[in-house]
Amino acid sequence: MKLRELDVTGFGEIYTPDEIHGVLETRVLQGSWITPRHKIEHLVEYTRPEFLIVVNVMSTLPPWRDAKRYKLKEWEKLWIEFIKNIHEKWTVEYLHIIVKSTSNIKYCSHITPC
Protein backbone atom coordinates (compact mmCIF):
# COMPACT_ATOMS: atom_id res chain seq x y z
CA MET A 1 0.00 0.00 0.00
CA LYS A 2 1.29 3.46 -0.89
CA LEU A 3 1.18 6.48 1.38
CA ARG A 4 -1.25 8.19 -1.01
CA GLU A 5 -3.70 5.31 -0.65
CA LEU A 6 -3.93 5.53 3.13
CA ASP A 7 -6.94 7.08 4.82
CA VAL A 8 -5.20 9.35 7.35
CA THR A 9 -7.49 11.41 9.55
CA GLY A 10 -4.68 13.24 11.31
CA PHE A 11 -1.28 12.91 12.87
CA GLY A 12 0.84 14.42 15.60
CA GLU A 13 4.52 15.03 16.11
CA ILE A 14 6.56 16.00 19.16
CA TYR A 15 9.88 17.76 18.70
CA THR A 16 12.29 18.11 21.59
CA PRO A 17 14.98 20.82 21.73
CA ASP A 18 17.46 18.67 19.80
CA GLU A 19 15.29 19.13 16.67
CA ILE A 20 14.52 22.82 17.08
CA HIS A 21 16.46 23.57 13.88
CA GLY A 22 14.40 20.98 11.96
CA VAL A 23 12.02 23.71 10.85
CA LEU A 24 14.68 24.75 8.33
CA GLU A 25 15.16 23.09 4.96
CA THR A 26 17.92 20.50 4.73
CA ARG A 27 19.86 22.47 2.14
CA VAL A 28 20.65 25.23 4.65
CA LEU A 29 21.76 22.90 7.44
CA GLN A 30 25.26 21.66 8.09
CA GLY A 31 24.36 17.98 7.86
CA SER A 32 22.05 16.21 5.43
CA TRP A 33 19.01 14.71 7.13
CA ILE A 34 15.27 14.48 6.71
CA THR A 35 14.07 17.34 8.84
CA PRO A 36 10.74 17.59 10.66
CA ARG A 37 9.83 20.25 8.09
CA HIS A 38 10.18 17.80 5.21
CA LYS A 39 8.40 15.03 7.09
CA ILE A 40 5.38 17.23 7.90
CA GLU A 41 5.19 18.70 4.39
CA HIS A 42 5.36 15.24 2.82
CA LEU A 43 2.73 13.70 5.09
CA VAL A 44 0.31 16.59 4.62
CA GLU A 45 0.78 16.74 0.86
CA TYR A 46 0.39 13.03 0.24
CA THR A 47 -2.17 12.00 2.86
CA ARG A 48 -4.27 15.18 3.07
CA PRO A 49 -5.14 14.72 6.76
CA GLU A 50 -7.93 16.60 8.46
CA PHE A 51 -5.73 17.72 11.34
CA LEU A 52 -2.14 18.11 12.47
CA ILE A 53 -0.86 18.36 16.03
CA VAL A 54 2.67 19.61 16.63
CA VAL A 55 4.30 19.91 20.04
CA ASN A 56 7.57 21.85 20.23
CA VAL A 57 9.58 21.69 23.42
CA MET A 58 11.63 24.90 23.38
CA SER A 59 13.14 25.00 26.82
CA THR A 60 16.80 25.18 25.81
CA LEU A 61 19.08 25.40 22.81
CA PRO A 62 21.23 22.39 22.00
CA PRO A 63 24.98 23.00 21.65
CA TRP A 64 25.37 22.38 17.90
CA ARG A 65 25.97 25.12 15.34
CA ASP A 66 22.68 24.89 13.41
CA ALA A 67 20.64 25.19 16.60
CA LYS A 68 22.60 28.27 17.66
CA ARG A 69 21.68 30.20 14.48
CA TYR A 70 18.74 31.77 16.29
CA LYS A 71 17.56 32.48 19.80
CA LEU A 72 14.67 30.51 21.29
CA LYS A 73 12.17 33.28 20.55
CA GLU A 74 13.27 33.33 16.89
CA TRP A 75 12.95 29.53 16.60
CA GLU A 76 9.48 29.80 18.09
CA LYS A 77 8.50 32.36 15.46
CA LEU A 78 9.88 30.17 12.64
CA TRP A 79 7.89 27.15 13.87
CA ILE A 80 4.70 29.20 14.26
CA GLU A 81 5.03 30.58 10.73
CA PHE A 82 5.77 27.13 9.29
CA ILE A 83 2.73 25.47 10.89
CA LYS A 84 0.51 28.39 9.90
CA ASN A 85 1.75 28.09 6.30
CA ILE A 86 0.95 24.35 6.31
CA HIS A 87 -2.58 25.22 7.41
CA GLU A 88 -3.01 27.88 4.74
CA LYS A 89 -1.47 25.91 1.87
CA TRP A 90 -3.28 22.61 2.47
CA THR A 91 -6.25 23.78 4.60
CA VAL A 92 -5.40 21.30 7.33
CA GLU A 93 -6.64 22.11 10.83
CA TYR A 94 -3.91 22.29 13.44
CA LEU A 95 -3.05 22.51 17.08
CA HIS A 96 0.44 23.81 17.79
CA ILE A 97 1.65 23.47 21.37
CA ILE A 98 4.84 25.24 22.44
CA VAL A 99 6.32 24.09 25.72
CA LYS A 100 8.83 26.54 27.15
CA SER A 101 8.66 25.04 30.62
CA THR A 102 6.06 23.17 32.59
CA SER A 103 4.72 26.50 33.79
CA ASN A 104 4.68 28.26 30.39
CA ILE A 105 2.87 26.36 27.62
CA LYS A 106 1.41 28.16 24.60
CA TYR A 107 -1.45 26.69 22.54
CA CYS A 108 -1.99 27.89 18.96
CA SER A 109 -4.50 26.85 16.31
CA HIS A 110 -6.34 28.33 13.39
CA ILE A 111 -9.04 29.30 15.90
CA THR A 112 -6.67 30.72 18.53
CA PRO A 113 -3.59 32.04 16.68
CA CYS A 114 -0.32 32.72 18.48
C-alpha atoms as a PDB file:
ATOM      1  CA  MET A   1       0.000   0.000   0.000  1.00  0.00           C
ATOM      2  CA  LYS A   2       1.291   3.456  -0.886  1.00  0.00           C
ATOM      3  CA  LEU A   3       1.177   6.482   1.380  1.00  0.00           C
ATOM      4  CA  ARG A   4      -1.250   8.194  -1.015  1.00  0.00           C
ATOM      5  CA  GLU A   5      -3.701   5.309  -0.651  1.00  0.00           C
ATOM      6  CA  LEU A   6      -3.932   5.529   3.134  1.00  0.00           C
ATOM      7  CA  ASP A   7      -6.940   7.084   4.819  1.00  0.00           C
ATOM      8  CA  VAL A   8      -5.195   9.353   7.346  1.00  0.00           C
ATOM      9  CA  THR A   9      -7.491  11.409   9.549  1.00  0.00           C
ATOM     10  CA  GLY A  10      -4.682  13.240  11.306  1.00  0.00           C
ATOM     11  CA  PHE A  11      -1.277  12.908  12.867  1.00  0.00           C
ATOM     12  CA  GLY A  12       0.835  14.416  15.602  1.00  0.00           C
ATOM     13  CA  GLU A  13       4.520  15.033  16.106  1.00  0.00           C
ATOM     14  CA  ILE A  14       6.556  16.003  19.163  1.00  0.00           C
ATOM     15  CA  TYR A  15       9.877  17.760  18.702  1.00  0.00           C
ATOM     16  CA  THR A  16      12.295  18.114  21.585  1.00  0.00           C
ATOM     17  CA  PRO A  17      14.978  20.820  21.726  1.00  0.00           C
ATOM     18  CA  ASP A  18      17.463  18.671  19.800  1.00  0.00           C
ATOM     19  CA  GLU A  19      15.289  19.131  16.674  1.00  0.00           C
ATOM     20  CA  ILE A  20      14.524  22.823  17.078  1.00  0.00           C
ATOM     21  CA  HIS A  21      16.456  23.572  13.879  1.00  0.00           C
ATOM     22  CA  GLY A  22      14.404  20.978  11.962  1.00  0.00           C
ATOM     23  CA  VAL A  23      12.019  23.707  10.845  1.00  0.00           C
ATOM     24  CA  LEU A  24      14.679  24.747   8.325  1.00  0.00           C
ATOM     25  CA  GLU A  25      15.160  23.091   4.957  1.00  0.00           C
ATOM     26  CA  THR A  26      17.916  20.496   4.734  1.00  0.00           C
ATOM     27  CA  ARG A  27      19.860  22.469   2.140  1.00  0.00           C
ATOM     28  CA  VAL A  28      20.652  25.234   4.654  1.00  0.00           C
ATOM     29  CA  LEU A  29      21.763  22.901   7.438  1.00  0.00           C
ATOM     30  CA  GLN A  30      25.263  21.657   8.091  1.00  0.00           C
ATOM     31  CA  GLY A  31      24.357  17.976   7.857  1.00  0.00           C
ATOM     32  CA  SER A  32      22.047  16.212   5.427  1.00  0.00           C
ATOM     33  CA  TRP A  33      19.015  14.707   7.130  1.00  0.00           C
ATOM     34  CA  ILE A  34      15.270  14.483   6.708  1.00  0.00           C
ATOM     35  CA  THR A  35      14.068  17.341   8.845  1.00  0.00           C
ATOM     36  CA  PRO A  36      10.736  17.588  10.663  1.00  0.00           C
ATOM     37  CA  ARG A  37       9.832  20.250   8.090  1.00  0.00           C
ATOM     38  CA  HIS A  38      10.175  17.801   5.210  1.00  0.00           C
ATOM     39  CA  LYS A  39       8.402  15.033   7.088  1.00  0.00           C
ATOM     40  CA  ILE A  40       5.379  17.226   7.897  1.00  0.00           C
ATOM     41  CA  GLU A  41       5.192  18.700   4.392  1.00  0.00           C
ATOM     42  CA  HIS A  42       5.364  15.239   2.821  1.00  0.00           C
ATOM     43  CA  LEU A  43       2.734  13.699   5.091  1.00  0.00           C
ATOM     44  CA  VAL A  44       0.312  16.592   4.624  1.00  0.00           C
ATOM     45  CA  GLU A  45       0.780  16.741   0.860  1.00  0.00           C
ATOM     46  CA  TYR A  46       0.391  13.027   0.240  1.00  0.00           C
ATOM     47  CA  THR A  47      -2.168  11.996   2.859  1.00  0.00           C
ATOM     48  CA  ARG A  48      -4.274  15.183   3.073  1.00  0.00           C
ATOM     49  CA  PRO A  49      -5.135  14.724   6.762  1.00  0.00           C
ATOM     50  CA  GLU A  50      -7.934  16.604   8.456  1.00  0.00           C
ATOM     51  CA  PHE A  51      -5.727  17.717  11.338  1.00  0.00           C
ATOM     52  CA  LEU A  52      -2.138  18.115  12.469  1.00  0.00           C
ATOM     53  CA  ILE A  53      -0.862  18.359  16.030  1.00  0.00           C
ATOM     54  CA  VAL A  54       2.672  19.610  16.635  1.00  0.00           C
ATOM     55  CA  VAL A  55       4.305  19.913  20.037  1.00  0.00           C
ATOM     56  CA  ASN A  56       7.566  21.847  20.231  1.00  0.00           C
ATOM     57  CA  VAL A  57       9.582  21.695  23.423  1.00  0.00           C
ATOM     58  CA  MET A  58      11.628  24.898  23.378  1.00  0.00           C
ATOM     59  CA  SER A  59      13.135  24.995  26.816  1.00  0.00           C
ATOM     60  CA  THR A  60      16.799  25.182  25.813  1.00  0.00           C
ATOM     61  CA  LEU A  61      19.075  25.399  22.809  1.00  0.00           C
ATOM     62  CA  PRO A  62      21.232  22.386  21.996  1.00  0.00           C
ATOM     63  CA  PRO A  63      24.978  23.003  21.654  1.00  0.00           C
ATOM     64  CA  TRP A  64      25.366  22.380  17.901  1.00  0.00           C
ATOM     65  CA  ARG A  65      25.971  25.118  15.337  1.00  0.00           C
ATOM     66  CA  ASP A  66      22.675  24.887  13.408  1.00  0.00           C
ATOM     67  CA  ALA A  67      20.641  25.188  16.602  1.00  0.00           C
ATOM     68  CA  LYS A  68      22.600  28.273  17.660  1.00  0.00           C
ATOM     69  CA  ARG A  69      21.684  30.200  14.479  1.00  0.00           C
ATOM     70  CA  TYR A  70      18.743  31.768  16.287  1.00  0.00           C
ATOM     71  CA  LYS A  71      17.562  32.484  19.797  1.00  0.00           C
ATOM     72  CA  LEU A  72      14.671  30.510  21.287  1.00  0.00           C
ATOM     73  CA  LYS A  73      12.174  33.282  20.550  1.00  0.00           C
ATOM     74  CA  GLU A  74      13.268  33.332  16.886  1.00  0.00           C
ATOM     75  CA  TRP A  75      12.952  29.530  16.600  1.00  0.00           C
ATOM     76  CA  GLU A  76       9.483  29.800  18.095  1.00  0.00           C
ATOM     77  CA  LYS A  77       8.501  32.360  15.457  1.00  0.00           C
ATOM     78  CA  LEU A  78       9.878  30.166  12.637  1.00  0.00           C
ATOM     79  CA  TRP A  79       7.889  27.149  13.867  1.00  0.00           C
ATOM     80  CA  ILE A  80       4.696  29.200  14.264  1.00  0.00           C
ATOM     81  CA  GLU A  81       5.034  30.582  10.732  1.00  0.00           C
ATOM     82  CA  PHE A  82       5.772  27.134   9.289  1.00  0.00           C
ATOM     83  CA  ILE A  83       2.732  25.467  10.895  1.00  0.00           C
ATOM     84  CA  LYS A  84       0.513  28.389   9.905  1.00  0.00           C
ATOM     85  CA  ASN A  85       1.748  28.091   6.297  1.00  0.00           C
ATOM     86  CA  ILE A  86       0.953  24.350   6.306  1.00  0.00           C
ATOM     87  CA  HIS A  87      -2.583  25.218   7.407  1.00  0.00           C
ATOM     88  CA  GLU A  88      -3.011  27.880   4.744  1.00  0.00           C
ATOM     89  CA  LYS A  89      -1.473  25.905   1.874  1.00  0.00           C
ATOM     90  CA  TRP A  90      -3.279  22.605   2.473  1.00  0.00           C
ATOM     91  CA  THR A  91      -6.247  23.776   4.598  1.00  0.00           C
ATOM     92  CA  VAL A  92      -5.396  21.304   7.327  1.00  0.00           C
ATOM     93  CA  GLU A  93      -6.645  22.109  10.832  1.00  0.00           C
ATOM     94  CA  TYR A  94      -3.907  22.293  13.441  1.00  0.00           C
ATOM     95  CA  LEU A  95      -3.052  22.506  17.077  1.00  0.00           C
ATOM     96  CA  HIS A  96       0.443  23.807  17.793  1.00  0.00           C
ATOM     97  CA  ILE A  97       1.652  23.474  21.372  1.00  0.00           C
ATOM     98  CA  ILE A  98       4.837  25.236  22.438  1.00  0.00           C
ATOM     99  CA  VAL A  99       6.325  24.089  25.718  1.00  0.00           C
ATOM    100  CA  LYS A 100       8.833  26.537  27.146  1.00  0.00           C
ATOM    101  CA  SER A 101       8.658  25.038  30.625  1.00  0.00           C
ATOM    102  CA  THR A 102       6.060  23.165  32.593  1.00  0.00           C
ATOM    103  CA  SER A 103       4.715  26.499  33.795  1.00  0.00           C
ATOM    104  CA  ASN A 104       4.680  28.261  30.387  1.00  0.00           C
ATOM    105  CA  ILE A 105       2.867  26.358  27.622  1.00  0.00           C
ATOM    106  CA  LYS A 106       1.410  28.156  24.599  1.00  0.00           C
ATOM    107  CA  TYR A 107      -1.451  26.693  22.539  1.00  0.00           C
ATOM    108  CA  CYS A 108      -1.986  27.893  18.962  1.00  0.00           C
ATOM    109  CA  SER A 109      -4.495  26.853  16.312  1.00  0.00           C
ATOM    110  CA  HIS A 110      -6.343  28.332  13.387  1.00  0.00           C
ATOM    111  CA  ILE A 111      -9.042  29.299  15.903  1.00  0.00           C
ATOM    112  CA  THR A 112      -6.673  30.724  18.533  1.00  0.00           C
ATOM    113  CA  PRO A 113      -3.586  32.045  16.682  1.00  0.00           C
ATOM    114  CA  CYS A 114      -0.322  32.721  18.476  1.00  0.00           C
END
